[in-house]
Amino acid sequence: MKRSPFVINIYLDKNYDYQRQGIGRKLIEKIAEKLSRSGLASMLAWVLEDNPACQFYQALGGQQVKQQQIEFEGVKLNEIAYGWIDTKVLMAR
C-alpha cells in the first residue's frame, strides 16, 4: 500500500521576525503544488485546538472537517482537521 505524503509540523518561531512575512503561506503553497503534481487533489492539516495557527488555516480557506482527542505525554489534547477539497485554491495565492 502506498503511503500518502504528510508534513509533521510547520512552525515559525515567534521570537524572530519570521512570522507575518508570508513564509507560512509560501510553504503551504509549495506543499499544495507538490501534492497536485503527485496526483493528490485534497489536503488536511491537523492543528491543536488551542493553537493560534487555527486562524492561519481558516484564512487560507481551510474548512473544519473533523475533530479528535489525542494524548501526548499523559495530557489529553483536542485536534482539529482543516481540509481543502482542491489544493489548487492554495497555489499562487
PDB file of N, CA and C in Angstrom:
ATOM      1  N   MET A   1       0.838  -1.180   0.000  1.00  0.00           N
ATOM      2  CA  MET A   1       0.000   0.000   0.000  1.00  0.00           C
ATOM      3  C   MET A   1       0.885   1.247   0.000  1.00  0.00           C
ATOM      4  N   LYS A   2       0.573   2.174  -0.887  1.00  0.00           N
ATOM      5  CA  LYS A   2       1.328   3.419  -0.975  1.00  0.00           C
ATOM      6  C   LYS A   2       0.881   4.371   0.128  1.00  0.00           C
ATOM      7  N   ARG A   3       1.829   4.914   0.819  1.00  0.00           N
ATOM      8  CA  ARG A   3       1.541   5.844   1.908  1.00  0.00           C
ATOM      9  C   ARG A   3       1.409   7.263   1.367  1.00  0.00           C
ATOM     10  N   SER A   4       0.414   7.991   1.836  1.00  0.00           N
ATOM     11  CA  SER A   4       0.229   9.381   1.433  1.00  0.00           C
ATOM     12  C   SER A   4       1.304  10.249   2.068  1.00  0.00           C
ATOM     13  N   PRO A   5       1.779  11.254   1.344  1.00  0.00           N
ATOM     14  CA  PRO A   5       2.776  12.153   1.921  1.00  0.00           C
ATOM     15  C   PRO A   5       2.152  13.014   3.013  1.00  0.00           C
ATOM     16  N   PHE A   6       2.967  13.402   3.965  1.00  0.00           N
ATOM     17  CA  PHE A   6       2.466  14.258   5.028  1.00  0.00           C
ATOM     18  C   PHE A   6       3.580  15.110   5.596  1.00  0.00           C
ATOM     19  N   VAL A   7       3.175  16.199   6.211  1.00  0.00           N
ATOM     20  CA  VAL A   7       4.091  17.108   6.898  1.00  0.00           C
ATOM     21  C   VAL A   7       3.774  17.000   8.377  1.00  0.00           C
ATOM     22  N   ILE A   8       4.793  16.861   9.198  1.00  0.00           N
ATOM     23  CA  ILE A   8       4.574  16.730  10.634  1.00  0.00           C
ATOM     24  C   ILE A   8       4.255  18.080  11.268  1.00  0.00           C
ATOM     25  N   ASN A   9       5.091  19.056  11.072  1.00  0.00           N
ATOM     26  CA  ASN A   9       4.897  20.364  11.704  1.00  0.00           C
ATOM     27  C   ASN A   9       5.368  21.480  10.790  1.00  0.00           C
ATOM     28  N   ILE A  10       4.684  22.594  10.896  1.00  0.00           N
ATOM     29  CA  ILE A  10       5.174  23.852  10.326  1.00  0.00           C
ATOM     30  C   ILE A  10       5.199  24.822  11.500  1.00  0.00           C
ATOM     31  N   TYR A  11       6.369  25.353  11.780  1.00  0.00           N
ATOM     32  CA  TYR A  11       6.487  26.237  12.934  1.00  0.00           C
ATOM     33  C   TYR A  11       7.464  27.351  12.619  1.00  0.00           C
ATOM     34  N   LEU A  12       7.027  28.568  12.808  1.00  0.00           N
ATOM     35  CA  LEU A  12       7.899  29.725  12.676  1.00  0.00           C
ATOM     36  C   LEU A  12       8.014  30.369  14.045  1.00  0.00           C
ATOM     37  N   ASP A  13       9.211  30.423  14.557  1.00  0.00           N
ATOM     38  CA  ASP A  13       9.454  30.923  15.903  1.00  0.00           C
ATOM     39  C   ASP A  13       9.013  32.375  16.037  1.00  0.00           C
ATOM     40  N   LYS A  14       8.129  32.617  16.992  1.00  0.00           N
ATOM     41  CA  LYS A  14       7.608  33.971  17.182  1.00  0.00           C
ATOM     42  C   LYS A  14       8.629  34.923  17.784  1.00  0.00           C
ATOM     43  N   ASN A  15       9.756  34.413  18.251  1.00  0.00           N
ATOM     44  CA  ASN A  15      10.793  35.271  18.829  1.00  0.00           C
ATOM     45  C   ASN A  15      11.674  35.910  17.765  1.00  0.00           C
ATOM     46  N   TYR A  16      11.414  35.565  16.527  1.00  0.00           N
ATOM     47  CA  TYR A  16      12.168  36.156  15.422  1.00  0.00           C
ATOM     48  C   TYR A  16      11.182  36.905  14.528  1.00  0.00           C
ATOM     49  N   ASP A  17      11.675  37.582  13.558  1.00  0.00           N
ATOM     50  CA  ASP A  17      10.818  38.364  12.672  1.00  0.00           C
ATOM     51  C   ASP A  17      10.325  37.558  11.469  1.00  0.00           C
ATOM     52  N   TYR A  18      10.131  36.254  11.627  1.00  0.00           N
ATOM     53  CA  TYR A  18       9.713  35.409  10.515  1.00  0.00           C
ATOM     54  C   TYR A  18       8.202  35.347  10.362  1.00  0.00           C
ATOM     55  N   GLN A  19       7.467  35.552  11.435  1.00  0.00           N
ATOM     56  CA  GLN A  19       6.014  35.482  11.336  1.00  0.00           C
ATOM     57  C   GLN A  19       5.477  36.721  10.636  1.00  0.00           C
ATOM     58  N   ARG A  20       4.340  36.536   9.980  1.00  0.00           N
ATOM     59  CA  ARG A  20       3.652  37.611   9.253  1.00  0.00           C
ATOM     60  C   ARG A  20       4.476  38.157   8.088  1.00  0.00           C
ATOM     61  N   GLN A  21       5.337  37.295   7.537  1.00  0.00           N
ATOM     62  CA  GLN A  21       6.136  37.662   6.368  1.00  0.00           C
ATOM     63  C   GLN A  21       5.717  36.879   5.123  1.00  0.00           C
ATOM     64  N   GLY A  22       4.687  36.043   5.244  1.00  0.00           N
ATOM     65  CA  GLY A  22       4.225  35.239   4.107  1.00  0.00           C
ATOM     66  C   GLY A  22       4.945  33.920   3.951  1.00  0.00           C
ATOM     67  N   ILE A  23       5.835  33.595   4.879  1.00  0.00           N
ATOM     68  CA  ILE A  23       6.612  32.354   4.774  1.00  0.00           C
ATOM     69  C   ILE A  23       5.698  31.135   4.916  1.00  0.00           C
ATOM     70  N   GLY A  24       4.785  31.159   5.873  1.00  0.00           N
ATOM     71  CA  GLY A  24       3.867  30.044   6.067  1.00  0.00           C
ATOM     72  C   GLY A  24       2.998  29.813   4.837  1.00  0.00           C
ATOM     73  N   ARG A  25       2.497  30.890   4.263  1.00  0.00           N
ATOM     74  CA  ARG A  25       1.691  30.782   3.035  1.00  0.00           C
ATOM     75  C   ARG A  25       2.494  30.154   1.905  1.00  0.00           C
ATOM     76  N   LYS A  26       3.754  30.596   1.772  1.00  0.00           N
ATOM     77  CA  LYS A  26       4.603  30.040   0.709  1.00  0.00           C
ATOM     78  C   LYS A  26       4.862  28.555   0.936  1.00  0.00           C
ATOM     79  N   LEU A  27       5.076  28.159   2.191  1.00  0.00           N
ATOM     80  CA  LEU A  27       5.268  26.739   2.491  1.00  0.00           C
ATOM     81  C   LEU A  27       4.033  25.922   2.116  1.00  0.00           C
ATOM     82  N   ILE A  28       2.860  26.406   2.494  1.00  0.00           N
ATOM     83  CA  ILE A  28       1.616  25.715   2.163  1.00  0.00           C
ATOM     84  C   ILE A  28       1.425  25.662   0.652  1.00  0.00           C
ATOM     85  N   GLU A  29       1.741  26.746  -0.025  1.00  0.00           N
ATOM     86  CA  GLU A  29       1.634  26.780  -1.483  1.00  0.00           C
ATOM     87  C   GLU A  29       2.515  25.715  -2.117  1.00  0.00           C
ATOM     88  N   LYS A  30       3.748  25.596  -1.655  1.00  0.00           N
ATOM     89  CA  LYS A  30       4.671  24.596  -2.205  1.00  0.00           C
ATOM     90  C   LYS A  30       4.195  23.176  -1.906  1.00  0.00           C
ATOM     91  N   ILE A  31       3.654  22.969  -0.715  1.00  0.00           N
ATOM     92  CA  ILE A  31       3.106  21.653  -0.368  1.00  0.00           C
ATOM     93  C   ILE A  31       1.938  21.320  -1.301  1.00  0.00           C
ATOM     94  N   ALA A  32       1.049  22.286  -1.519  1.00  0.00           N
ATOM     95  CA  ALA A  32      -0.099  22.073  -2.403  1.00  0.00           C
ATOM     96  C   ALA A  32       0.354  21.769  -3.829  1.00  0.00           C
ATOM     97  N   GLU A  33       1.373  22.482  -4.303  1.00  0.00           N
ATOM     98  CA  GLU A  33       1.907  22.221  -5.646  1.00  0.00           C
ATOM     99  C   GLU A  33       2.454  20.805  -5.750  1.00  0.00           C
ATOM    100  N   LYS A  34       3.203  20.387  -4.747  1.00  0.00           N
ATOM    101  CA  LYS A  34       3.784  19.037  -4.746  1.00  0.00           C
ATOM    102  C   LYS A  34       2.680  17.974  -4.722  1.00  0.00           C
ATOM    103  N   LEU A  35       1.659  18.184  -3.892  1.00  0.00           N
ATOM    104  CA  LEU A  35       0.544  17.244  -3.844  1.00  0.00           C
ATOM    105  C   LEU A  35      -0.157  17.162  -5.193  1.00  0.00           C
ATOM    106  N   SER A  36      -0.383  18.308  -5.804  1.00  0.00           N
ATOM    107  CA  SER A  36      -1.059  18.348  -7.097  1.00  0.00           C
ATOM    108  C   SER A  36      -0.250  17.607  -8.158  1.00  0.00           C
ATOM    109  N   ARG A  37       1.076  17.845  -8.191  1.00  0.00           N
ATOM    110  CA  ARG A  37       1.934  17.145  -9.151  1.00  0.00           C
ATOM    111  C   ARG A  37       1.946  15.639  -8.919  1.00  0.00           C
ATOM    112  N   SER A  38       1.703  15.240  -7.679  1.00  0.00           N
ATOM    113  CA  SER A  38       1.673  13.815  -7.330  1.00  0.00           C
ATOM    114  C   SER A  38       0.298  13.188  -7.578  1.00  0.00           C
ATOM    115  N   GLY A  39      -0.635  13.999  -8.068  1.00  0.00           N
ATOM    116  CA  GLY A  39      -1.967  13.490  -8.355  1.00  0.00           C
ATOM    117  C   GLY A  39      -2.922  13.513  -7.169  1.00  0.00           C
ATOM    118  N   LEU A  40      -2.538  14.211  -6.118  1.00  0.00           N
ATOM    119  CA  LEU A  40      -3.399  14.313  -4.936  1.00  0.00           C
ATOM    120  C   LEU A  40      -4.082  15.677  -4.959  1.00  0.00           C
ATOM    121  N   ALA A  41      -5.394  15.666  -4.933  1.00  0.00           N
ATOM    122  CA  ALA A  41      -6.142  16.906  -5.104  1.00  0.00           C
ATOM    123  C   ALA A  41      -6.557  17.551  -3.789  1.00  0.00           C
ATOM    124  N   SER A  42      -6.551  16.802  -2.700  1.00  0.00           N
ATOM    125  CA  SER A  42      -7.042  17.350  -1.441  1.00  0.00           C
ATOM    126  C   SER A  42      -5.967  17.295  -0.362  1.00  0.00           C
ATOM    127  N   MET A  43      -6.238  18.002   0.743  1.00  0.00           N
ATOM    128  CA  MET A  43      -5.244  18.093   1.805  1.00  0.00           C
ATOM    129  C   MET A  43      -5.935  18.318   3.143  1.00  0.00           C
ATOM    130  N   LEU A  44      -5.355  17.780   4.203  1.00  0.00           N
ATOM    131  CA  LEU A  44      -5.786  18.010   5.580  1.00  0.00           C
ATOM    132  C   LEU A  44      -4.622  18.564   6.384  1.00  0.00           C
ATOM    133  N   ALA A  45      -4.938  19.427   7.326  1.00  0.00           N
ATOM    134  CA  ALA A  45      -3.948  19.921   8.281  1.00  0.00           C
ATOM    135  C   ALA A  45      -4.530  19.738   9.679  1.00  0.00           C
ATOM    136  N   TRP A  46      -3.874  18.921  10.492  1.00  0.00           N
ATOM    137  CA  TRP A  46      -4.307  18.727  11.878  1.00  0.00           C
ATOM    138  C   TRP A  46      -3.624  19.766  12.747  1.00  0.00           C
ATOM    139  N   VAL A  47      -4.423  20.468  13.561  1.00  0.00           N
ATOM    140  CA  VAL A  47      -3.924  21.569  14.381  1.00  0.00           C
ATOM    141  C   VAL A  47      -4.503  21.428  15.779  1.00  0.00           C
ATOM    142  N   LEU A  48      -3.681  21.635  16.785  1.00  0.00           N
ATOM    143  CA  LEU A  48      -4.206  21.631  18.147  1.00  0.00           C
ATOM    144  C   LEU A  48      -5.228  22.748  18.297  1.00  0.00           C
ATOM    145  N   GLU A  49      -6.331  22.434  18.934  1.00  0.00           N
ATOM    146  CA  GLU A  49      -7.456  23.356  19.049  1.00  0.00           C
ATOM    147  C   GLU A  49      -7.075  24.707  19.660  1.00  0.00           C
ATOM    148  N   ASP A  50      -6.164  24.727  20.611  1.00  0.00           N
ATOM    149  CA  ASP A  50      -5.768  25.965  21.285  1.00  0.00           C
ATOM    150  C   ASP A  50      -4.674  26.730  20.548  1.00  0.00           C
ATOM    151  N   ASN A  51      -4.240  26.220  19.422  1.00  0.00           N
ATOM    152  CA  ASN A  51      -3.140  26.820  18.680  1.00  0.00           C
ATOM    153  C   ASN A  51      -3.646  28.017  17.869  1.00  0.00           C
ATOM    154  N   PRO A  52      -2.996  29.181  17.992  1.00  0.00           N
ATOM    155  CA  PRO A  52      -3.395  30.333  17.177  1.00  0.00           C
ATOM    156  C   PRO A  52      -3.294  30.065  15.675  1.00  0.00           C
ATOM    157  N   ALA A  53      -2.573  29.022  15.275  1.00  0.00           N
ATOM    158  CA  ALA A  53      -2.447  28.677  13.856  1.00  0.00           C
ATOM    159  C   ALA A  53      -3.787  28.283  13.241  1.00  0.00           C
ATOM    160  N   CYS A  54      -4.770  27.970  14.066  1.00  0.00           N
ATOM    161  CA  CYS A  54      -6.106  27.672  13.536  1.00  0.00           C
ATOM    162  C   CYS A  54      -6.580  28.827  12.659  1.00  0.00           C
ATOM    163  N   GLN A  55      -6.322  30.043  13.096  1.00  0.00           N
ATOM    164  CA  GLN A  55      -6.728  31.224  12.322  1.00  0.00           C
ATOM    165  C   GLN A  55      -5.993  31.286  10.985  1.00  0.00           C
ATOM    166  N   PHE A  56      -4.743  30.868  10.972  1.00  0.00           N
ATOM    167  CA  PHE A  56      -3.951  30.834   9.735  1.00  0.00           C
ATOM    168  C   PHE A  56      -4.598  29.902   8.719  1.00  0.00           C
ATOM    169  N   TYR A  57      -4.942  28.692   9.136  1.00  0.00           N
ATOM    170  CA  TYR A  57      -5.540  27.723   8.219  1.00  0.00           C
ATOM    171  C   TYR A  57      -6.943  28.148   7.787  1.00  0.00           C
ATOM    172  N   GLN A  58      -7.686  28.781   8.674  1.00  0.00           N
ATOM    173  CA  GLN A  58      -9.005  29.304   8.301  1.00  0.00           C
ATOM    174  C   GLN A  58      -8.855  30.413   7.257  1.00  0.00           C
ATOM    175  N   ALA A  59      -7.859  31.274   7.444  1.00  0.00           N
ATOM    176  CA  ALA A  59      -7.622  32.367   6.494  1.00  0.00           C
ATOM    177  C   ALA A  59      -7.236  31.837   5.117  1.00  0.00           C
ATOM    178  N   LEU A  60      -6.665  30.644   5.074  1.00  0.00           N
ATOM    179  CA  LEU A  60      -6.306  30.016   3.798  1.00  0.00           C
ATOM    180  C   LEU A  60      -7.481  29.252   3.191  1.00  0.00           C
ATOM    181  N   GLY A  61      -8.635  29.340   3.828  1.00  0.00           N
ATOM    182  CA  GLY A  61      -9.822  28.681   3.287  1.00  0.00           C
ATOM    183  C   GLY A  61     -10.054  27.278   3.796  1.00  0.00           C
ATOM    184  N   GLY A  62      -9.271  26.850   4.767  1.00  0.00           N
ATOM    185  CA  GLY A  62      -9.466  25.514   5.332  1.00  0.00           C
ATOM    186  C   GLY A  62     -10.793  25.414   6.062  1.00  0.00           C
ATOM    187  N   GLN A  63     -11.498  24.328   5.829  1.00  0.00           N
ATOM    188  CA  GLN A  63     -12.781  24.082   6.485  1.00  0.00           C
ATOM    189  C   GLN A  63     -12.585  23.016   7.555  1.00  0.00           C
ATOM    190  N   GLN A  64     -13.162  23.223   8.717  1.00  0.00           N
ATOM    191  CA  GLN A  64     -13.073  22.216   9.783  1.00  0.00           C
ATOM    192  C   GLN A  64     -13.858  20.987   9.341  1.00  0.00           C
ATOM    193  N   VAL A  65     -13.166  19.855   9.235  1.00  0.00           N
ATOM    194  CA  VAL A  65     -13.825  18.642   8.753  1.00  0.00           C
ATOM    195  C   VAL A  65     -13.877  17.527   9.791  1.00  0.00           C
ATOM    196  N   LYS A  66     -13.066  17.634  10.831  1.00  0.00           N
ATOM    197  CA  LYS A  66     -13.048  16.584  11.833  1.00  0.00           C
ATOM    198  C   LYS A  66     -12.378  17.102  13.098  1.00  0.00           C
ATOM    199  N   GLN A  67     -12.709  16.467  14.223  1.00  0.00           N
ATOM    200  CA  GLN A  67     -12.029  16.727  15.492  1.00  0.00           C
ATOM    201  C   GLN A  67     -11.687  15.380  16.106  1.00  0.00           C
ATOM    202  N   GLN A  68     -10.619  15.363  16.868  1.00  0.00           N
ATOM    203  CA  GLN A  68     -10.267  14.163  17.602  1.00  0.00           C
ATOM    204  C   GLN A  68      -9.495  14.552  18.855  1.00  0.00           C
ATOM    205  N   GLN A  69      -9.480  13.638  19.790  1.00  0.00           N
ATOM    206  CA  GLN A  69      -8.712  13.861  21.008  1.00  0.00           C
ATOM    207  C   GLN A  69      -7.499  12.942  20.960  1.00  0.00           C
ATOM    208  N   ILE A  70      -6.338  13.502  21.268  1.00  0.00           N
ATOM    209  CA  ILE A  70      -5.108  12.720  21.319  1.00  0.00           C
ATOM    210  C   ILE A  70      -4.534  12.832  22.721  1.00  0.00           C
ATOM    211  N   GLU A  71      -3.599  11.952  23.024  1.00  0.00           N
ATOM    212  CA  GLU A  71      -2.898  12.038  24.294  1.00  0.00           C
ATOM    213  C   GLU A  71      -1.418  12.190  24.011  1.00  0.00           C
ATOM    214  N   PHE A  72      -0.829  13.204  24.613  1.00  0.00           N
ATOM    215  CA  PHE A  72       0.598  13.475  24.442  1.00  0.00           C
ATOM    216  C   PHE A  72       1.217  13.629  25.813  1.00  0.00           C
ATOM    217  N   GLU A  73       2.123  12.740  26.135  1.00  0.00           N
ATOM    218  CA  GLU A  73       2.797  12.740  27.437  1.00  0.00           C
ATOM    219  C   GLU A  73       1.794  12.817  28.590  1.00  0.00           C
ATOM    220  N   GLY A  74       0.721  12.031  28.470  1.00  0.00           N
ATOM    221  CA  GLY A  74      -0.274  11.931  29.525  1.00  0.00           C
ATOM    222  C   GLY A  74      -1.306  13.045  29.556  1.00  0.00           C
ATOM    223  N   VAL A  75      -1.208  13.979  28.618  1.00  0.00           N
ATOM    224  CA  VAL A  75      -2.156  15.093  28.564  1.00  0.00           C
ATOM    225  C   VAL A  75      -3.087  14.886  27.372  1.00  0.00           C
ATOM    226  N   LYS A  76      -4.386  15.010  27.611  1.00  0.00           N
ATOM    227  CA  LYS A  76      -5.356  14.892  26.524  1.00  0.00           C
ATOM    228  C   LYS A  76      -5.505  16.243  25.841  1.00  0.00           C
ATOM    229  N   LEU A  77      -5.382  16.225  24.521  1.00  0.00           N
ATOM    230  CA  LEU A  77      -5.457  17.443  23.718  1.00  0.00           C
ATOM    231  C   LEU A  77      -6.473  17.255  22.602  1.00  0.00           C
ATOM    232  N   ASN A  78      -7.137  18.314  22.225  1.00  0.00           N
ATOM    233  CA  ASN A  78      -8.076  18.275  21.101  1.00  0.00           C
ATOM    234  C   ASN A  78      -7.382  18.780  19.851  1.00  0.00           C
ATOM    235  N   GLU A  79      -7.585  18.051  18.752  1.00  0.00           N
ATOM    236  CA  GLU A  79      -7.057  18.447  17.454  1.00  0.00           C
ATOM    237  C   GLU A  79      -8.217  18.712  16.508  1.00  0.00           C
ATOM    238  N   ILE A  80      -8.016  19.648  15.607  1.00  0.00           N
ATOM    239  CA  ILE A  80      -8.982  19.962  14.567  1.00  0.00           C
ATOM    240  C   ILE A  80      -8.318  19.696  13.221  1.00  0.00           C
ATOM    241  N   ALA A  81      -9.055  19.061  12.318  1.00  0.00           N
ATOM    242  CA  ALA A  81      -8.570  18.866  10.950  1.00  0.00           C
ATOM    243  C   ALA A  81      -9.197  19.924  10.062  1.00  0.00           C
ATOM    244  N   TYR A  82      -8.355  20.713   9.420  1.00  0.00           N
ATOM    245  CA  TYR A  82      -8.799  21.671   8.416  1.00  0.00           C
ATOM    246  C   TYR A  82      -8.528  21.035   7.060  1.00  0.00           C
ATOM    247  N   GLY A  83      -9.518  21.104   6.182  1.00  0.00           N
ATOM    248  CA  GLY A  83      -9.378  20.434   4.897  1.00  0.00           C
ATOM    249  C   GLY A  83      -9.645  21.332   3.710  1.00  0.00           C
ATOM    250  N   TRP A  84      -9.023  20.953   2.618  1.00  0.00           N
ATOM    251  CA  TRP A  84      -9.225  21.591   1.323  1.00  0.00           C
ATOM    252  C   TRP A  84      -9.523  20.470   0.339  1.00  0.00           C
ATOM    253  N   ILE A  85     -10.657  20.572  -0.356  1.00  0.00           N
ATOM    254  CA  ILE A  85     -11.024  19.555  -1.344  1.00  0.00           C
ATOM    255  C   ILE A  85     -10.131  19.667  -2.562  1.00  0.00           C
ATOM    256  N   ASP A  86      -9.776  20.883  -2.934  1.00  0.00           N
ATOM    257  CA  ASP A  86      -8.949  21.113  -4.116  1.00  0.00           C
ATOM    258  C   ASP A  86      -7.741  21.962  -3.724  1.00  0.00           C
ATOM    259  N   THR A  87      -6.563  21.351  -3.743  1.00  0.00           N
ATOM    260  CA  THR A  87      -5.342  22.062  -3.346  1.00  0.00           C
ATOM    261  C   THR A  87      -4.989  23.205  -4.293  1.00  0.00           C
ATOM    262  N   LYS A  88      -5.603  23.243  -5.469  1.00  0.00           N
ATOM    263  CA  LYS A  88      -5.301  24.327  -6.411  1.00  0.00           C
ATOM    264  C   LYS A  88      -5.663  25.699  -5.840  1.00  0.00           C
ATOM    265  N   VAL A  89      -6.632  25.739  -4.920  1.00  0.00           N
ATOM    266  CA  VAL A  89      -7.001  27.036  -4.310  1.00  0.00           C
ATOM    267  C   VAL A  89      -5.882  27.570  -3.425  1.00  0.00           C
ATOM    268  N   LEU A  90      -4.929  26.738  -3.072  1.00  0.00           N
ATOM    269  CA  LEU A  90      -3.816  27.152  -2.218  1.00  0.00           C
ATOM    270  C   LEU A  90      -2.592  27.582  -3.026  1.00  0.00           C
ATOM    271  N   MET A  91      -2.627  27.334  -4.329  1.00  0.00           N
ATOM    272  CA  MET A  91      -1.465  27.633  -5.151  1.00  0.00           C
ATOM    273  C   MET A  91      -1.547  29.040  -5.720  1.00  0.00           C
ATOM    274  N   ALA A  92      -0.422  29.726  -5.723  1.00  0.00           N
ATOM    275  CA  ALA A  92      -0.281  31.061  -6.311  1.00  0.00           C
ATOM    276  C   ALA A  92      -1.362  32.011  -5.830  1.00  0.00           C
ATOM    277  N   ARG A  93      -1.503  32.074  -4.518  1.00  0.00           N
ATOM    278  CA  ARG A  93      -2.495  32.977  -3.920  1.00  0.00           C
ATOM    279  C   ARG A  93      -2.001  34.386  -3.974  1.00  0.00           C
TER     280      ARG A  93
END
